[in-house]
Amino acid sequence: MKEDKEALIGEERRLKRLKMIIDLASALLWQSDLTLSDAQKLVADARERAMELFPDKGETFDLIYGSRFRRLLAEKYHLQ
């Protein structure tokens, strides 16, 4: 029972950290004057950090956050 609670607390911490990473990357994309190349690197770095927190969840990241980042990049850099 104690192990389950500790596992849940650990999961919640990782989720909070992931949210912070995604929010920070999104804010930087909108608010800074990054080149497209640097912006794409920022997205790749955010994905890498997410994989450190949740190994083997790359597909889930791409489904949930990939479209969000693609939309941000398309809007800011006028991509099709």
Protein backbone atom coordinates (compact mmCIF):
# COMPACT_ATOMS: atom_id res chain seq x y z
CA MET A 1 0.00 0.00 0.00
CA LYS A 2 2.81 2.41 0.91
CA GLU A 3 4.65 1.53 -2.31
CA ASP A 4 1.53 2.34 -4.35
CA LYS A 5 1.23 5.73 -2.67
CA GLU A 6 4.91 6.50 -3.27
CA ALA A 7 4.58 5.44 -6.91
CA LEU A 8 1.56 7.71 -7.32
CA ILE A 9 3.39 10.64 -5.72
CA GLY A 10 6.35 10.03 -8.04
CA GLU A 11 4.04 9.94 -11.05
CA GLU A 12 2.40 13.20 -10.01
CA ARG A 13 5.81 14.86 -9.65
CA ARG A 14 6.86 13.71 -13.11
CA LEU A 15 3.57 14.94 -14.57
CA LYS A 16 4.00 18.36 -12.95
CA ARG A 17 7.54 18.57 -14.30
CA LEU A 18 6.35 17.58 -17.76
CA LYS A 19 3.65 20.25 -17.67
CA MET A 20 6.24 22.84 -16.66
CA ILE A 21 8.55 21.76 -19.52
CA ILE A 22 5.74 21.93 -22.09
CA ASP A 23 4.44 25.27 -20.81
CA LEU A 24 7.92 26.78 -20.77
CA ALA A 25 8.74 25.55 -24.26
CA SER A 26 5.41 26.87 -25.57
CA ALA A 27 5.95 30.27 -23.96
CA LEU A 28 9.48 30.49 -25.34
CA LEU A 29 8.24 29.66 -28.82
CA TRP A 30 5.69 32.47 -28.72
CA GLN A 31 7.60 35.11 -26.82
CA SER A 32 11.13 34.86 -28.17
CA ASP A 33 12.70 35.63 -31.52
CA LEU A 34 14.07 32.17 -32.21
CA THR A 35 14.97 31.06 -35.68
CA LEU A 36 12.88 28.20 -37.04
CA SER A 37 15.85 25.90 -36.55
CA ASP A 38 16.25 26.95 -32.91
CA ALA A 39 12.51 26.60 -32.34
CA GLN A 40 12.56 23.07 -33.73
CA LYS A 41 15.53 22.27 -31.49
CA LEU A 42 13.59 23.59 -28.50
CA VAL A 43 10.70 21.26 -29.35
CA ALA A 44 13.11 18.33 -29.77
CA ASP A 45 14.71 19.17 -26.41
CA ALA A 46 11.30 19.29 -24.73
CA ARG A 47 10.50 15.87 -26.20
CA GLU A 48 13.83 14.53 -24.98
CA ARG A 49 13.15 15.79 -21.44
CA ALA A 50 9.71 14.18 -21.59
CA MET A 51 11.31 10.87 -22.61
CA GLU A 52 13.62 11.10 -19.62
CA LEU A 53 10.58 11.43 -17.37
CA PHE A 54 8.45 8.86 -19.20
CA PRO A 55 10.62 6.41 -21.16
CA ASP A 56 8.90 4.54 -24.00
CA LYS A 57 6.13 7.16 -24.24
CA GLY A 58 7.37 8.94 -27.35
CA GLU A 59 4.29 8.00 -29.32
CA THR A 60 2.05 9.38 -26.57
CA PHE A 61 4.07 12.60 -26.48
CA ASP A 62 3.72 12.95 -30.24
CA LEU A 63 -0.04 12.43 -30.08
CA ILE A 64 -0.64 14.84 -27.21
CA TYR A 65 2.00 17.53 -27.60
CA GLY A 66 3.29 17.04 -31.14
CA SER A 67 0.22 18.63 -32.71
CA ARG A 68 0.38 21.51 -30.25
CA PHE A 69 3.99 22.27 -31.13
CA ARG A 70 3.36 21.83 -34.88
CA ARG A 71 0.50 24.31 -34.65
CA LEU A 72 2.64 26.82 -32.73
CA LEU A 73 5.47 26.53 -35.25
CA ALA A 74 3.10 26.79 -38.20
CA GLU A 75 1.44 29.92 -36.82
CA LYS A 76 4.61 31.70 -35.78
CA TYR A 77 6.74 30.81 -38.79
CA HIS A 78 3.90 30.80 -41.35
CA LEU A 79 4.42 27.18 -42.30
CA GLN A 80 1.87 25.15 -44.20
